[in-house]
Every structure is written in structure tokens, then in C-alpha cells.
């Protein structure tokens, strides 16, 4: 037998997608720590790189 997969209707999907875009446009990013880059060569010190998974924007904080 086959398994039936339910997809959200178009309205619900549009609401989810548009919410994520408008949050980032308004400055409400969802920052997560990116462990791939921990040392800044130009400044010569440890930094914390953060990336927003919704829009892909990055920022750094020095520790």
C-alpha cells in the first residue's frame, strides 16, 4: 500500500513563507552560531560568526 502525504494548502504555505521574509526585512533575524569560521585573520582575534538561516545574512561579534 502507499502512504498518503498531506501538503499544506496554498494559503497556509504562502503565510509561512511570507512571514519569514518579512521578519528578516524588518530586522528580526534568527541568528544561529556558525562554527566554520572562528578566527579573524585581519584582526588577529577570535570572533563569533552568526548566520540567519532564513535569509542567509551573516554578522560577526568579537569575543
PDB file of N, CA and C in Angstrom:
ATOM      1  N   UNK A   1       0.839  -1.187   0.000  1.00  0.00           N
ATOM      2  CA  UNK A   1       0.000   0.000   0.000  1.00  0.00           C
ATOM      3  C   UNK A   1       0.880   1.246   0.000  1.00  0.00           C
ATOM      4  N   UNK A   2       0.310   2.317  -0.429  1.00  0.00           N
ATOM      5  CA  UNK A   2       1.048   3.577  -0.473  1.00  0.00           C
ATOM      6  C   UNK A   2       0.675   4.455   0.706  1.00  0.00           C
ATOM      7  N   UNK A   3       1.588   5.309   1.065  1.00  0.00           N
ATOM      8  CA  UNK A   3       1.331   6.261   2.137  1.00  0.00           C
ATOM      9  C   UNK A   3       0.856   7.573   1.534  1.00  0.00           C
ATOM     10  N   UNK A   4      -0.195   8.119   2.111  1.00  0.00           N
ATOM     11  CA  UNK A   4      -0.739   9.381   1.635  1.00  0.00           C
ATOM     12  C   UNK A   4      -0.027  10.508   2.372  1.00  0.00           C
ATOM     13  N   UNK A   5       0.533  11.448   1.612  1.00  0.00           N
ATOM     14  CA  UNK A   5       1.247  12.572   2.192  1.00  0.00           C
ATOM     15  C   UNK A   5       0.386  13.818   2.025  1.00  0.00           C
ATOM     16  N   UNK A   6       0.131  14.502   3.126  1.00  0.00           N
ATOM     17  CA  UNK A   6      -0.680  15.711   3.081  1.00  0.00           C
ATOM     18  C   UNK A   6       0.232  16.933   2.980  1.00  0.00           C
ATOM     19  N   UNK A   7      -0.039  17.772   1.993  1.00  0.00           N
ATOM     20  CA  UNK A   7       0.668  19.019   1.829  1.00  0.00           C
ATOM     21  C   UNK A   7      -0.208  20.146   2.333  1.00  0.00           C
ATOM     22  N   UNK A   8       0.401  21.190   2.927  1.00  0.00           N
ATOM     23  CA  UNK A   8      -0.422  22.311   3.368  1.00  0.00           C
ATOM     24  C   UNK A   8      -1.014  23.028   2.157  1.00  0.00           C
ATOM     25  N   UNK A   9      -2.191  23.566   2.351  1.00  0.00           N
ATOM     26  CA  UNK A   9      -2.824  24.263   1.232  1.00  0.00           C
ATOM     27  C   UNK A   9      -2.026  25.522   0.882  1.00  0.00           C
ATOM     28  N   UNK A  10      -2.338  26.109  -0.235  1.00  0.00           N
ATOM     29  CA  UNK A  10      -1.558  27.232  -0.755  1.00  0.00           C
ATOM     30  C   UNK A  10      -1.572  28.438   0.187  1.00  0.00           C
ATOM     31  N   UNK A  11      -2.699  28.707   0.829  1.00  0.00           N
ATOM     32  CA  UNK A  11      -2.788  29.849   1.741  1.00  0.00           C
ATOM     33  C   UNK A  11      -1.855  29.687   2.934  1.00  0.00           C
ATOM     34  N   UNK A  12      -1.871  28.507   3.537  1.00  0.00           N
ATOM     35  CA  UNK A  12      -1.024  28.253   4.704  1.00  0.00           C
ATOM     36  C   UNK A  12       0.452  28.330   4.327  1.00  0.00           C
ATOM     37  N   UNK A  13       0.807  27.789   3.180  1.00  0.00           N
ATOM     38  CA  UNK A  13       2.201  27.804   2.742  1.00  0.00           C
ATOM     39  C   UNK A  13       2.645  29.237   2.450  1.00  0.00           C
ATOM     40  N   UNK A  14       1.804  30.020   1.805  1.00  0.00           N
ATOM     41  CA  UNK A  14       2.137  31.404   1.483  1.00  0.00           C
ATOM     42  C   UNK A  14       2.334  32.219   2.756  1.00  0.00           C
ATOM     43  N   UNK A  15       1.509  31.966   3.757  1.00  0.00           N
ATOM     44  CA  UNK A  15       1.625  32.685   5.024  1.00  0.00           C
ATOM     45  C   UNK A  15       2.949  32.362   5.705  1.00  0.00           C
ATOM     46  N   UNK A  16       3.348  31.104   5.695  1.00  0.00           N
ATOM     47  CA  UNK A  16       4.604  30.688   6.321  1.00  0.00           C
ATOM     48  C   UNK A  16       5.787  31.334   5.601  1.00  0.00           C
ATOM     49  N   UNK A  17       5.803  31.270   4.295  1.00  0.00           N
ATOM     50  CA  UNK A  17       6.911  31.812   3.512  1.00  0.00           C
ATOM     51  C   UNK A  17       6.995  33.321   3.654  1.00  0.00           C
ATOM     52  N   UNK A  18       5.871  34.018   3.561  1.00  0.00           N
ATOM     53  CA  UNK A  18       5.892  35.473   3.634  1.00  0.00           C
ATOM     54  C   UNK A  18       6.272  35.956   5.032  1.00  0.00           C
ATOM     55  N   UNK A  19       5.911  35.215   6.069  1.00  0.00           N
ATOM     56  CA  UNK A  19       6.262  35.604   7.428  1.00  0.00           C
ATOM     57  C   UNK A  19       7.765  35.616   7.603  1.00  0.00           C
ATOM     58  N   UNK A  20       8.446  34.608   7.080  1.00  0.00           N
ATOM     59  CA  UNK A  20       9.890  34.531   7.222  1.00  0.00           C
ATOM     60  C   UNK A  20      10.575  35.674   6.479  1.00  0.00           C
ATOM     61  N   UNK A  21      10.083  36.026   5.316  1.00  0.00           N
ATOM     62  CA  UNK A  21      10.702  37.098   4.546  1.00  0.00           C
ATOM     63  C   UNK A  21      10.492  38.450   5.214  1.00  0.00           C
ATOM     64  N   UNK A  22       9.293  38.697   5.709  1.00  0.00           N
ATOM     65  CA  UNK A  22       9.026  40.000   6.299  1.00  0.00           C
ATOM     66  C   UNK A  22       9.721  40.152   7.640  1.00  0.00           C
ATOM     67  N   UNK A  23       9.932  39.074   8.366  1.00  0.00           N
ATOM     68  CA  UNK A  23      10.656  39.169   9.634  1.00  0.00           C
ATOM     69  C   UNK A  23      12.076  39.656   9.399  1.00  0.00           C
ATOM     70  N   UNK A  24      12.765  39.072   8.439  1.00  0.00           N
ATOM     71  CA  UNK A  24      14.139  39.471   8.158  1.00  0.00           C
ATOM     72  C   UNK A  24      14.203  40.875   7.574  1.00  0.00           C
ATOM     73  N   UNK A  25      13.244  41.251   6.749  1.00  0.00           N
ATOM     74  CA  UNK A  25      13.231  42.598   6.192  1.00  0.00           C
ATOM     75  C   UNK A  25      13.030  43.643   7.279  1.00  0.00           C
ATOM     76  N   UNK A  26      12.320  43.277   8.330  1.00  0.00           N
ATOM     77  CA  UNK A  26      12.074  44.202   9.434  1.00  0.00           C
ATOM     78  C   UNK A  26      13.199  44.207  10.458  1.00  0.00           C
ATOM     79  N   UNK A  27      14.213  43.371  10.263  1.00  0.00           N
ATOM     80  CA  UNK A  27      15.354  43.339  11.178  1.00  0.00           C
ATOM     81  C   UNK A  27      15.261  42.287  12.259  1.00  0.00           C
ATOM     82  N   UNK A  28      14.271  41.404  12.199  1.00  0.00           N
ATOM     83  CA  UNK A  28      14.118  40.354  13.197  1.00  0.00           C
ATOM     84  C   UNK A  28      14.689  39.052  12.651  1.00  0.00           C
ATOM     85  N   UNK A  29      16.020  38.990  12.605  1.00  0.00           N
ATOM     86  CA  UNK A  29      16.684  37.794  12.095  1.00  0.00           C
ATOM     87  C   UNK A  29      16.703  36.710  13.162  1.00  0.00           C
ATOM     88  N   UNK A  30      16.900  35.491  12.725  1.00  0.00           N
ATOM     89  CA  UNK A  30      17.010  34.342  13.630  1.00  0.00           C
ATOM     90  C   UNK A  30      18.483  33.920  13.611  1.00  0.00           C
ATOM     91  N   UNK A  31      19.288  34.514  14.485  1.00  0.00           N
ATOM     92  CA  UNK A  31      20.729  34.302  14.452  1.00  0.00           C
ATOM     93  C   UNK A  31      21.102  32.963  15.053  1.00  0.00           C
ATOM     94  N   UNK A  32      21.942  32.213  14.340  1.00  0.00           N
ATOM     95  CA  UNK A  32      22.499  30.944  14.818  1.00  0.00           C
ATOM     96  C   UNK A  32      24.007  31.002  14.651  1.00  0.00           C
ATOM     97  N   UNK A  33      24.734  30.389  15.583  1.00  0.00           N
ATOM     98  CA  UNK A  33      26.197  30.412  15.558  1.00  0.00           C
ATOM     99  C   UNK A  33      26.702  29.535  14.420  1.00  0.00           C
ATOM    100  N   UNK A  34      27.640  30.081  13.642  1.00  0.00           N
ATOM    101  CA  UNK A  34      28.265  29.353  12.544  1.00  0.00           C
ATOM    102  C   UNK A  34      29.685  28.995  12.978  1.00  0.00           C
ATOM    103  N   UNK A  35      29.938  27.717  13.241  1.00  0.00           N
ATOM    104  CA  UNK A  35      31.216  27.281  13.794  1.00  0.00           C
ATOM    105  C   UNK A  35      32.312  27.095  12.750  1.00  0.00           C
ATOM    106  N   UNK A  36      32.027  27.322  11.481  1.00  0.00           N
ATOM    107  CA  UNK A  36      33.045  27.092  10.459  1.00  0.00           C
ATOM    108  C   UNK A  36      34.128  28.165  10.472  1.00  0.00           C
ATOM    109  N   UNK A  37      33.818  29.381  10.924  1.00  0.00           N
ATOM    110  CA  UNK A  37      34.803  30.467  10.950  1.00  0.00           C
ATOM    111  C   UNK A  37      34.869  31.040  12.358  1.00  0.00           C
ATOM    112  N   UNK A  38      35.977  30.769  13.067  1.00  0.00           N
ATOM    113  CA  UNK A  38      36.088  31.237  14.441  1.00  0.00           C
ATOM    114  C   UNK A  38      37.241  32.214  14.651  1.00  0.00           C
ATOM    115  N   UNK A  39      38.137  32.361  13.676  1.00  0.00           N
ATOM    116  CA  UNK A  39      39.303  33.212  13.851  1.00  0.00           C
ATOM    117  C   UNK A  39      39.377  34.213  12.712  1.00  0.00           C
ATOM    118  N   UNK A  40      39.477  35.485  13.041  1.00  0.00           N
ATOM    119  CA  UNK A  40      39.572  36.528  12.028  1.00  0.00           C
ATOM    120  C   UNK A  40      41.038  36.836  11.765  1.00  0.00           C
ATOM    121  N   UNK A  41      41.488  36.646  10.544  1.00  0.00           N
ATOM    122  CA  UNK A  41      42.893  36.805  10.192  1.00  0.00           C
ATOM    123  C   UNK A  41      43.305  38.276  10.221  1.00  0.00           C
ATOM    124  N   UNK A  42      42.441  39.162   9.756  1.00  0.00           N
ATOM    125  CA  UNK A  42      42.804  40.577   9.678  1.00  0.00           C
ATOM    126  C   UNK A  42      42.946  41.208  11.062  1.00  0.00           C
ATOM    127  N   UNK A  43      42.031  40.877  11.962  1.00  0.00           N
ATOM    128  CA  UNK A  43      42.080  41.464  13.296  1.00  0.00           C
ATOM    129  C   UNK A  43      42.962  40.646  14.240  1.00  0.00           C
ATOM    130  N   UNK A  44      43.191  39.385  13.933  1.00  0.00           N
ATOM    131  CA  UNK A  44      44.042  38.535  14.751  1.00  0.00           C
ATOM    132  C   UNK A  44      43.436  38.130  16.073  1.00  0.00           C
ATOM    133  N   UNK A  45      42.135  37.927  16.121  1.00  0.00           N
ATOM    134  CA  UNK A  45      41.485  37.518  17.362  1.00  0.00           C
ATOM    135  C   UNK A  45      40.301  36.608  17.065  1.00  0.00           C
ATOM    136  N   UNK A  46      39.795  35.989  18.103  1.00  0.00           N
ATOM    137  CA  UNK A  46      38.646  35.102  17.958  1.00  0.00           C
ATOM    138  C   UNK A  46      37.380  35.915  17.762  1.00  0.00           C
ATOM    139  N   UNK A  47      36.523  35.440  16.871  1.00  0.00           N
ATOM    140  CA  UNK A  47      35.243  36.084  16.623  1.00  0.00           C
ATOM    141  C   UNK A  47      34.157  35.023  16.573  1.00  0.00           C
ATOM    142  N   UNK A  48      32.928  35.440  16.824  1.00  0.00           N
ATOM    143  CA  UNK A  48      31.782  34.557  16.707  1.00  0.00           C
ATOM    144  C   UNK A  48      31.025  34.952  15.447  1.00  0.00           C
ATOM    145  N   UNK A  49      30.935  34.026  14.505  1.00  0.00           N
ATOM    146  CA  UNK A  49      30.198  34.277  13.272  1.00  0.00           C
ATOM    147  C   UNK A  49      28.784  33.749  13.447  1.00  0.00           C
ATOM    148  N   UNK A  50      27.808  34.593  13.140  1.00  0.00           N
ATOM    149  CA  UNK A  50      26.401  34.202  13.243  1.00  0.00           C
ATOM    150  C   UNK A  50      25.760  34.336  11.875  1.00  0.00           C
ATOM    151  N   UNK A  51      24.842  33.410  11.580  1.00  0.00           N
ATOM    152  CA  UNK A  51      24.174  33.393  10.275  1.00  0.00           C
ATOM    153  C   UNK A  51      22.686  33.212  10.472  1.00  0.00           C
ATOM    154  N   UNK A  52      21.889  33.937   9.684  1.00  0.00           N
ATOM    155  CA  UNK A  52      20.436  33.807   9.719  1.00  0.00           C
ATOM    156  C   UNK A  52      20.034  32.705   8.741  1.00  0.00           C
ATOM    157  N   UNK A  53      19.392  31.622   9.210  1.00  0.00           N
ATOM    158  CA  UNK A  53      19.028  30.528   8.298  1.00  0.00           C
ATOM    159  C   UNK A  53      17.901  30.890   7.336  1.00  0.00           C
ATOM    160  N   UNK A  54      17.129  31.927   7.648  1.00  0.00           N
ATOM    161  CA  UNK A  54      16.024  32.303   6.775  1.00  0.00           C
ATOM    162  C   UNK A  54      16.486  33.070   5.549  1.00  0.00           C
ATOM    163  N   UNK A  55      17.380  34.040   5.734  1.00  0.00           N
ATOM    164  CA  UNK A  55      17.790  34.874   4.596  1.00  0.00           C
ATOM    165  C   UNK A  55      19.253  34.690   4.221  1.00  0.00           C
ATOM    166  N   UNK A  56      20.067  34.109   5.098  1.00  0.00           N
ATOM    167  CA  UNK A  56      21.468  33.855   4.788  1.00  0.00           C
ATOM    168  C   UNK A  56      22.408  34.989   5.152  1.00  0.00           C
ATOM    169  N   UNK A  57      21.933  36.038   5.793  1.00  0.00           N
ATOM    170  CA  UNK A  57      22.770  37.162   6.167  1.00  0.00           C
ATOM    171  C   UNK A  57      23.700  36.735   7.307  1.00  0.00           C
ATOM    172  N   UNK A  58      24.935  37.276   7.311  1.00  0.00           N
ATOM    173  CA  UNK A  58      25.903  36.918   8.356  1.00  0.00           C
ATOM    174  C   UNK A  58      26.338  38.166   9.108  1.00  0.00           C
ATOM    175  N   UNK A  59      26.759  37.957  10.355  1.00  0.00           N
ATOM    176  CA  UNK A  59      27.347  39.017  11.150  1.00  0.00           C
ATOM    177  C   UNK A  59      28.392  38.404  12.060  1.00  0.00           C
ATOM    178  N   UNK A  60      29.321  39.221  12.537  1.00  0.00           N
ATOM    179  CA  UNK A  60      30.382  38.735  13.425  1.00  0.00           C
ATOM    180  C   UNK A  60      30.399  39.548  14.683  1.00  0.00           C
ATOM    181  N   UNK A  61      30.751  38.889  15.773  1.00  0.00           N
ATOM    182  CA  UNK A  61      30.929  39.543  17.059  1.00  0.00           C
ATOM    183  C   UNK A  61      32.301  39.137  17.572  1.00  0.00           C
ATOM    184  N   UNK A  62      33.058  40.106  18.073  1.00  0.00           N
ATOM    185  CA  UNK A  62      34.358  39.768  18.639  1.00  0.00           C
ATOM    186  C   UNK A  62      34.168  39.368  20.099  1.00  0.00           C
ATOM    187  N   UNK A  63      34.948  38.401  20.534  1.00  0.00           N
ATOM    188  CA  UNK A  63      34.806  37.895  21.912  1.00  0.00           C
ATOM    189  C   UNK A  63      35.904  38.391  22.790  1.00  0.00           C
TER     190      UNK A  63
END
